[in-house]
Protein backbone atom coordinates (compact mmCIF):
# COMPACT_ATOMS: atom_id res chain seq x y z
CA MET A 1 -28.23 -29.14 61.16
CA HIS A 2 -29.65 -28.37 57.73
CA TYR A 3 -26.98 -27.83 55.08
CA LEU A 4 -28.15 -25.54 52.25
CA ASP A 5 -24.92 -24.46 50.59
CA TYR A 6 -24.33 -27.10 47.94
CA ALA A 7 -23.54 -24.45 45.32
CA ALA A 8 -20.37 -23.74 47.30
CA THR A 9 -19.43 -27.30 48.30
CA SER A 10 -21.17 -30.64 48.66
CA ALA A 11 -20.22 -30.83 52.32
CA ILE A 12 -22.47 -33.87 52.69
CA ARG A 13 -21.01 -36.65 50.57
CA PRO A 14 -21.78 -40.33 50.05
CA PRO A 15 -19.95 -42.45 52.68
CA THR A 16 -18.06 -44.19 49.88
CA VAL A 17 -16.13 -40.99 49.17
CA ALA A 18 -14.55 -40.75 52.62
CA ARG A 19 -13.89 -44.49 52.60
CA ALA A 20 -12.14 -44.27 49.24
CA VAL A 21 -9.83 -41.50 50.49
CA ALA A 22 -9.04 -43.40 53.71
CA GLU A 23 -8.46 -46.68 51.91
CA PHE A 24 -6.16 -45.00 49.41
CA LEU A 25 -4.07 -43.49 52.19
CA GLN A 26 -3.95 -46.77 54.10
CA ASP A 27 -3.50 -49.25 51.26
CA VAL A 28 -1.91 -47.35 48.35
CA GLY A 29 -0.40 -44.02 49.40
CA ALA A 30 1.92 -43.70 46.39
CA SER A 31 1.70 -41.16 43.56
CA PRO A 32 0.66 -42.02 39.99
CA GLY A 33 3.40 -41.97 37.40
CA ARG A 34 6.15 -41.72 39.98
CA GLY A 35 7.41 -45.31 39.87
CA GLY A 36 6.99 -48.74 38.32
CA TYR A 37 6.31 -50.55 41.59
CA SER A 38 2.88 -51.91 42.42
CA ARG A 39 1.58 -49.11 44.64
CA SER A 40 2.43 -46.42 42.09
CA VAL A 41 0.85 -48.50 39.33
CA THR A 42 -2.31 -48.92 41.42
CA SER A 43 -2.39 -45.16 42.02
CA ALA A 44 -2.07 -44.53 38.26
CA ARG A 45 -4.94 -46.92 37.58
CA ILE A 46 -7.16 -45.06 40.04
CA ALA A 47 -6.32 -41.75 38.35
CA PHE A 48 -7.13 -43.24 34.95
CA ARG A 49 -10.43 -44.66 36.19
CA CYS A 50 -11.23 -41.25 37.63
CA ARG A 51 -10.63 -39.58 34.25
CA ARG A 52 -12.99 -42.05 32.61
CA ALA A 53 -15.64 -41.54 35.29
CA VAL A 54 -15.49 -37.74 34.98
CA ALA A 55 -15.77 -38.08 31.19
CA ARG A 56 -18.86 -40.28 31.56
CA VAL A 57 -20.61 -37.98 34.03
CA MET A 58 -19.94 -34.85 31.97
CA GLY A 59 -20.24 -36.37 28.49
CA LEU A 60 -16.68 -35.49 27.49
CA PRO A 61 -15.75 -37.45 24.34
CA GLY A 62 -12.51 -38.94 23.12
CA ASP A 63 -9.38 -39.88 25.01
CA PRO A 64 -9.83 -39.48 28.78
CA GLY A 65 -6.24 -38.25 28.77
CA ARG A 66 -7.61 -34.97 27.39
CA ILE A 67 -8.74 -34.33 30.98
CA ALA A 68 -5.93 -32.76 33.02
CA PHE A 69 -6.49 -32.87 36.78
CA MET A 70 -6.02 -29.66 38.75
CA MET A 71 -6.83 -28.21 42.19
CA ASN A 72 -10.28 -26.86 41.29
CA ALA A 73 -12.19 -24.99 38.58
CA THR A 74 -10.32 -21.76 39.40
CA HIS A 75 -7.01 -23.46 38.65
CA ALA A 76 -8.46 -24.88 35.43
CA LEU A 77 -9.91 -21.55 34.28
CA ASN A 78 -6.64 -19.75 34.96
CA THR A 79 -4.79 -22.45 33.00
CA ALA A 80 -7.11 -22.02 30.01
CA LEU A 81 -7.15 -18.21 30.03
CA HIS A 82 -3.40 -17.80 30.50
CA GLY A 83 -2.66 -20.70 28.16
CA ILE A 84 -4.82 -19.51 25.25
CA LEU A 85 -4.73 -15.71 25.23
CA GLU A 86 -1.83 -13.80 23.66
CA PRO A 87 -1.09 -10.05 23.89
CA GLY A 88 -3.74 -8.14 21.96
CA ASP A 89 -6.23 -11.03 21.84
CA ARG A 90 -9.86 -10.42 22.70
CA VAL A 91 -11.82 -12.47 25.22
CA VAL A 92 -15.58 -12.12 25.68
CA VAL A 93 -17.03 -12.79 29.12
CA THR A 94 -20.51 -12.50 30.65
CA PRO A 95 -21.86 -10.76 33.76
CA TYR A 96 -22.67 -14.19 35.19
CA ASP A 97 -19.01 -15.13 35.44
CA HIS A 98 -17.35 -16.02 38.72
CA ASN A 99 -14.26 -14.14 39.91
CA ALA A 100 -12.36 -17.25 38.81
CA VAL A 101 -12.84 -15.78 35.32
CA LEU A 102 -13.17 -12.05 35.98
CA ARG A 103 -9.98 -11.70 38.01
CA PRO A 104 -7.60 -13.56 35.68
CA ALA A 105 -9.19 -11.72 32.74
CA HIS A 106 -8.44 -8.45 34.55
CA VAL A 107 -4.85 -9.53 35.14
CA LEU A 108 -4.43 -10.47 31.48
CA ALA A 109 -5.83 -7.10 30.41
CA ARG A 110 -3.46 -5.30 32.76
CA ASP A 111 -0.31 -7.31 32.14
CA ARG A 112 -0.71 -8.71 28.63
CA GLY A 113 -2.91 -6.15 26.89
CA VAL A 114 -5.76 -8.59 26.36
CA ASP A 115 -9.01 -6.90 25.29
CA VAL A 116 -11.75 -8.01 27.70
CA GLN A 117 -15.34 -7.42 26.56
CA MET A 118 -18.49 -8.24 28.57
CA VAL A 119 -21.70 -9.10 26.74
CA PRO A 120 -24.82 -7.53 28.30
CA GLY A 121 -27.09 -9.69 30.46
CA ASP A 122 -30.21 -9.23 32.54
CA ALA A 123 -31.82 -10.27 35.82
CA ALA A 124 -33.54 -13.19 34.11
CA GLY A 125 -30.22 -14.70 33.05
CA GLY A 126 -30.45 -13.76 29.38
CA VAL A 127 -27.73 -12.87 26.91
CA ASP A 128 -27.89 -10.16 24.24
CA MET A 129 -27.15 -12.44 21.29
CA ASP A 130 -26.96 -9.63 18.73
CA THR A 131 -24.32 -7.82 20.75
CA LEU A 132 -22.52 -11.10 21.35
CA ALA A 133 -22.34 -11.76 17.62
CA THR A 134 -20.74 -8.35 17.10
CA LEU A 135 -18.29 -8.74 19.97
CA LEU A 136 -17.18 -12.14 18.71
CA GLU A 137 -15.83 -10.71 15.45
CA GLY A 138 -12.06 -11.12 15.71
CA THR A 139 -12.31 -12.67 19.17
CA ARG A 140 -9.94 -15.41 20.30
CA LEU A 141 -11.95 -16.84 23.21
CA LEU A 142 -15.52 -16.82 24.53
CA VAL A 143 -16.05 -17.79 28.18
CA VAL A 144 -19.46 -19.22 29.07
CA ASN A 145 -20.63 -19.68 32.64
CA HIS A 146 -22.78 -22.76 32.04
CA VAL A 147 -24.94 -22.23 35.16
CA SER A 148 -24.97 -19.08 37.29
CA ASN A 149 -24.13 -19.62 40.96
CA VAL A 150 -26.28 -16.58 41.85
CA LEU A 151 -29.29 -16.81 39.50
CA GLY A 152 -29.29 -20.57 38.91
CA THR A 153 -29.97 -19.96 35.21
CA VAL A 154 -28.51 -21.95 32.31
CA LEU A 155 -26.87 -19.97 29.54
CA PRO A 156 -27.69 -20.90 25.92
CA LEU A 157 -24.36 -22.63 25.41
CA ALA A 158 -25.15 -24.26 22.07
CA GLU A 159 -26.33 -21.01 20.48
CA MET A 160 -23.40 -19.05 21.90
CA SER A 161 -20.94 -21.72 20.75
CA THR A 162 -22.39 -21.62 17.22
CA LEU A 163 -21.84 -17.86 17.04
CA ALA A 164 -18.28 -18.30 18.30
CA ARG A 165 -17.47 -21.12 15.90
CA GLU A 166 -18.78 -19.14 12.91
CA ARG A 167 -16.36 -16.35 13.84
CA GLY A 168 -13.35 -18.53 14.60
CA ALA A 169 -13.39 -18.14 18.39
CA LEU A 170 -12.72 -20.90 20.90
CA VAL A 171 -15.24 -21.59 23.67
CA LEU A 172 -14.24 -22.12 27.30
CA VAL A 173 -17.04 -23.39 29.57
CA ASP A 174 -17.08 -22.97 33.34
CA ALA A 175 -18.98 -26.10 34.38
CA ALA A 176 -18.50 -25.68 38.13
CA GLN A 177 -22.26 -25.48 38.76
CA SER A 178 -23.43 -27.90 36.07
CA ALA A 179 -21.10 -30.92 36.37
CA GLY A 180 -23.02 -33.67 38.12
CA HIS A 181 -26.21 -31.59 38.19
CA LEU A 182 -27.22 -31.31 34.52
CA ALA A 183 -27.33 -34.18 32.05
CA VAL A 184 -25.97 -31.92 29.31
CA SER A 185 -22.61 -32.41 27.60
CA PRO A 186 -20.76 -29.09 27.27
CA ALA A 187 -18.62 -30.69 24.58
CA GLU A 188 -21.65 -31.68 22.48
CA ALA A 189 -22.96 -28.14 22.91
CA GLY A 190 -19.79 -26.76 21.32
CA ALA A 191 -17.21 -26.28 24.08
CA ASP A 192 -13.54 -26.48 23.17
CA LEU A 193 -12.37 -26.38 26.78
CA VAL A 194 -14.33 -27.32 29.92
CA ALA A 195 -13.27 -26.40 33.45
CA PHE A 196 -14.81 -28.33 36.33
CA THR A 197 -14.41 -28.78 40.06
CA GLY A 198 -14.69 -32.00 42.01
CA HIS A 199 -16.18 -30.75 45.27
CA LYS A 200 -19.65 -29.67 44.06
CA GLY A 201 -21.93 -31.83 41.90
CA LEU A 202 -19.31 -34.54 41.37
CA LEU A 203 -19.33 -35.12 45.16
CA GLY A 204 -15.54 -35.41 45.47
CA PRO A 205 -13.20 -33.81 48.00
CA GLN A 206 -11.93 -30.25 47.86
CA GLY A 207 -8.66 -29.88 45.99
CA THR A 208 -9.87 -31.78 42.92
CA GLY A 209 -10.98 -30.56 39.51
CA GLY A 210 -9.61 -30.24 36.03
CA LEU A 211 -9.67 -29.03 32.46
CA TRP A 212 -10.88 -30.94 29.41
CA VAL A 213 -9.27 -29.85 26.13
CA ARG A 214 -10.75 -30.77 22.76
CA GLU A 215 -8.50 -32.59 20.29
CA GLY A 216 -6.61 -30.07 18.15
CA VAL A 217 -6.67 -27.27 20.76
CA SER A 218 -3.31 -26.33 22.27
CA VAL A 219 -2.92 -24.79 25.73
CA ARG A 220 0.32 -23.42 27.14
CA PRO A 221 1.13 -24.81 30.59
CA PHE A 222 0.19 -22.52 33.48
CA LEU A 223 2.56 -24.37 35.81
CA THR A 224 5.77 -26.16 34.85
CA GLY A 225 7.63 -28.85 36.73
CA GLY A 226 7.89 -32.58 37.19
CA THR A 227 5.46 -34.88 35.44
CA GLY A 228 6.99 -38.28 36.16
CA GLY A 229 8.16 -38.66 32.56
CA ASP A 230 10.34 -36.92 29.91
CA SER A 231 12.50 -35.73 32.79
CA ALA A 232 15.55 -34.96 30.62
CA SER A 233 13.73 -32.20 28.75
CA ARG A 234 13.48 -28.63 30.08
CA GLU A 235 10.18 -28.26 28.20
CA MET A 236 6.89 -29.62 29.39
CA PRO A 237 5.71 -32.69 27.42
CA GLU A 238 3.50 -32.02 24.43
CA ALA A 239 1.02 -34.80 25.20
CA LEU A 240 -1.90 -34.41 27.57
CA PRO A 241 -2.49 -34.77 30.42
CA ASP A 242 1.21 -34.42 31.36
CA ARG A 243 1.51 -31.08 29.58
CA LEU A 244 -0.85 -29.45 32.08
CA GLU A 245 -0.20 -31.59 35.18
CA ALA A 246 3.00 -30.31 36.77
CA GLY A 247 3.82 -31.61 40.22
CA THR A 248 2.53 -34.42 42.38
CA PRO A 249 -1.23 -34.80 41.95
CA ASN A 250 -3.80 -35.05 44.75
CA ALA A 251 -3.99 -38.83 44.49
CA PRO A 252 -6.11 -39.37 47.65
CA GLY A 253 -8.50 -36.70 46.37
CA LEU A 254 -8.75 -38.44 43.00
CA ALA A 255 -9.67 -41.68 44.76
CA GLY A 256 -12.47 -39.76 46.48
CA LEU A 257 -13.51 -38.05 43.25
CA LEU A 258 -13.71 -41.44 41.54
CA ALA A 259 -16.03 -42.66 44.29
CA GLY A 260 -18.14 -39.51 43.99
CA CYS A 261 -18.48 -39.88 40.21
CA GLU A 262 -19.35 -43.55 40.55
CA PHE A 263 -22.13 -42.60 42.99
CA VAL A 264 -23.46 -39.99 40.55
CA LEU A 265 -23.35 -42.49 37.69
CA GLU A 266 -25.18 -45.10 39.77
CA LYS A 267 -27.92 -42.67 40.80
CA GLY A 268 -28.04 -40.98 37.40
CA VAL A 269 -27.51 -37.29 36.75
CA GLU A 270 -31.08 -36.88 35.49
CA ALA A 271 -32.49 -38.48 38.65
CA ILE A 272 -30.36 -36.24 40.88
CA HIS A 273 -31.45 -33.17 38.93
CA ALA A 274 -35.10 -34.18 39.16
CA HIS A 275 -34.81 -34.60 42.94
CA GLU A 276 -33.11 -31.21 43.36
CA SER A 277 -35.60 -29.50 41.02
CA ARG A 278 -38.59 -30.87 42.93
CA LEU A 279 -37.20 -29.50 46.19
CA LYS A 280 -36.42 -26.17 44.53
CA ARG A 281 -40.02 -25.84 43.45
CA ARG A 282 -41.14 -26.55 47.01
CA LEU A 283 -38.72 -23.93 48.29
CA LEU A 284 -39.81 -21.26 45.80
CA ASP A 285 -43.50 -21.93 46.39
CA GLY A 286 -42.96 -21.45 50.11
CA LEU A 287 -40.85 -18.32 49.75
CA GLU A 288 -43.58 -16.58 47.76
CA SER A 289 -45.85 -16.48 50.82
CA ILE A 290 -43.34 -15.14 53.37
CA PRO A 291 -43.75 -11.39 54.07
CA GLY A 292 -40.48 -9.51 54.22
CA ILE A 293 -38.55 -11.99 52.05
CA ARG A 294 -37.88 -11.19 48.39
CA VAL A 295 -36.61 -13.76 45.92
CA LEU A 296 -34.13 -12.15 43.51
CA SER A 297 -33.25 -15.18 41.38
CA PRO A 298 -35.60 -16.29 38.58
CA PRO A 299 -37.41 -19.67 38.80
CA ALA A 300 -35.04 -21.29 36.24
CA PRO A 301 -36.62 -24.77 36.49
CA GLU A 302 -33.99 -26.26 34.20
CA GLY A 303 -31.08 -24.78 36.13
CA ALA A 304 -29.41 -25.01 39.51
CA ALA A 305 -31.44 -25.81 42.63
CA LEU A 306 -30.94 -22.51 44.41
CA ALA A 307 -32.82 -19.42 45.50
CA THR A 308 -31.15 -16.07 46.14
CA VAL A 309 -33.11 -13.93 48.59
CA VAL A 310 -32.99 -10.76 50.68
CA ALA A 311 -34.94 -9.73 53.78
CA ASP A 312 -36.53 -6.33 54.26
CA ARG A 313 -35.38 -5.94 57.89
CA LEU A 314 -32.11 -7.87 58.04
CA SER A 315 -28.86 -7.67 56.12
CA PRO A 316 -27.85 -10.88 54.32
CA SER A 317 -25.13 -11.59 56.90
CA GLN A 318 -27.56 -11.04 59.77
CA LEU A 319 -30.08 -13.29 58.10
CA ALA A 320 -27.51 -16.06 57.60
CA ARG A 321 -26.39 -15.87 61.22
CA GLU A 322 -29.95 -15.92 62.56
CA LEU A 323 -30.75 -18.99 60.47
CA GLU A 324 -27.73 -20.90 61.71
CA VAL A 325 -27.79 -19.92 65.39
CA GLY A 326 -31.50 -20.22 65.90
CA TRP A 327 -32.53 -22.85 63.37
CA GLY A 328 -29.47 -24.92 62.41
CA ILE A 329 -29.57 -23.81 58.78
CA MET A 330 -26.28 -23.30 56.96
CA ALA A 331 -26.57 -20.98 53.94
CA ARG A 332 -24.23 -18.45 52.38
CA SER A 333 -24.56 -14.68 52.36
CA GLY A 334 -22.58 -12.07 50.41
CA LEU A 335 -21.65 -11.62 46.78
CA HIS A 336 -20.78 -15.27 46.12
CA CYS A 337 -17.65 -14.29 44.15
CA ALA A 338 -19.91 -13.11 41.31
CA PRO A 339 -20.30 -9.32 41.70
CA GLU A 340 -21.64 -8.64 38.20
CA ALA A 341 -24.47 -11.15 38.63
CA HIS A 342 -25.48 -9.42 41.86
CA ARG A 343 -25.39 -6.07 40.04
CA LEU A 344 -27.96 -7.40 37.58
CA ILE A 345 -30.41 -8.35 40.33
CA GLY A 346 -29.82 -5.20 42.39
CA SER A 347 -27.88 -6.72 45.28
CA SER A 348 -24.38 -5.45 44.55
CA GLY A 349 -24.05 -3.73 47.94
CA ASP A 350 -24.38 -6.29 50.72
CA GLY A 351 -25.20 -9.14 48.39
CA ALA A 352 -27.90 -11.64 49.28
CA LEU A 353 -28.55 -14.95 50.99
CA ARG A 354 -28.30 -18.02 48.79
CA LEU A 355 -30.11 -21.25 49.68
CA SER A 356 -28.77 -24.06 47.52
CA LEU A 357 -29.91 -27.69 47.48
CA GLY A 358 -28.10 -30.90 46.62
CA TRP A 359 -28.33 -34.66 46.29
CA ALA A 360 -28.85 -35.24 50.04
CA SER A 361 -31.32 -32.39 50.62
CA SER A 362 -34.78 -33.32 51.84
CA GLU A 363 -38.24 -31.86 52.29
CA VAL A 364 -37.38 -31.52 55.98
CA ASP A 365 -34.47 -29.22 55.07
CA VAL A 366 -36.68 -27.08 52.83
CA ASP A 367 -39.53 -26.87 55.32
CA GLN A 368 -37.18 -25.94 58.15
CA ALA A 369 -35.70 -23.15 56.02
CA LEU A 370 -39.16 -21.81 55.19
CA LYS A 371 -40.26 -21.96 58.82
CA ALA A 372 -37.09 -20.18 59.93
CA LEU A 373 -37.32 -17.45 57.30
CA GLU A 374 -40.94 -16.75 58.16
CA ALA A 375 -40.04 -16.38 61.83
CA VAL A 376 -36.81 -14.43 61.38
CA ALA A 377 -38.05 -12.05 58.68
CA GLY A 378 -40.64 -10.58 61.02
CA ARG A 379 -38.18 -9.65 63.74
CA ARG A 380 -36.45 -6.37 64.26
CA SER A 381 -33.02 -6.00 62.73
CA LEU A 382 -30.07 -7.00 64.89
CA PRO A 383 -26.58 -5.47 65.07
CA VAL A 384 -24.27 -6.83 62.40
CA THR A 385 -21.80 -9.30 63.87
CA GLN A 386 -18.32 -8.15 62.89
CA GLY A 387 -16.71 -10.49 60.41
CA SER A 388 -19.92 -12.39 59.71
CA ARG A 389 -20.27 -11.21 56.13
CA THR A 390 -18.82 -13.46 53.45
CA ALA A 391 -18.26 -12.67 49.79
């Protein structure tokens, strides 16, 4: 099998990640902050080491306790949006945003009267900076999708953050596609809040992620409940991370995330990015010569290692199924939870097929995908298999 869906999940992980989860369950098993006995203390130390490792990989400065662990980037983005925006506030989003931003923003507009504005973009992954500057006047929050999961492009975070800071707006960065892939610190580029997930470039298990909050920025809790401390109070604690970490954390997942981050740190983010970028260039060069296949995503050499394509004779879901059944290639078709990005590249109907590379991808994977696409694209279209389309 050839796994080419790293933009969704790093389904192939270093062996140390699975071992760390298993060893935690076998040898520790307790929850951090839920007791003073040795196993709980060990669990708390693992969680603290994980915070430090995430901070090192992503270049997040200051107290690692400013990182609150959550289920994923969606959980973190919802926490930031609901915890920052008040009735009547304005939030500026981009057409590259994932539904993890667009849907909560819609809910806040509907239920809280938040003014949601979208800055114009284009098929090359650009941002209309003049319009952005105007929209940011009187705005409370700017959301920046650091790297598009459809185009693979990197948004000009530093320039956008400067415009926001000059107008008194906070900046929330969705780093789901950049954490562990790009050696760029969102915090140094001007972010006030950074949402990340553990199961993509950080190579951890699903069910891990979090939100980094810059010193001096206050976020209302999205969930309330037990934190292991200050139990007599009906209010959530003021101090991070407890303020945003209600309920028992995914301690086995954090052990795995720690192992994933340690692997990334050992290999080096820049080295991983260089490996993925080299394979992306090989993939794009090969795609250019295949009749019947059109690449919709721009080259974006500095961005994510992905290519979004459509076939002239097959729907994206048909194409994905043909690649898996006949060639052992796993790639994702549909709208990739980013409908506005697909609108920009003209694939808002059935979406497209996304081929995304990762740390364990090889030239063999790329060459097999190219061979398969060349063979499949020339065939007649097949009936759509019911339920095969994913979004």
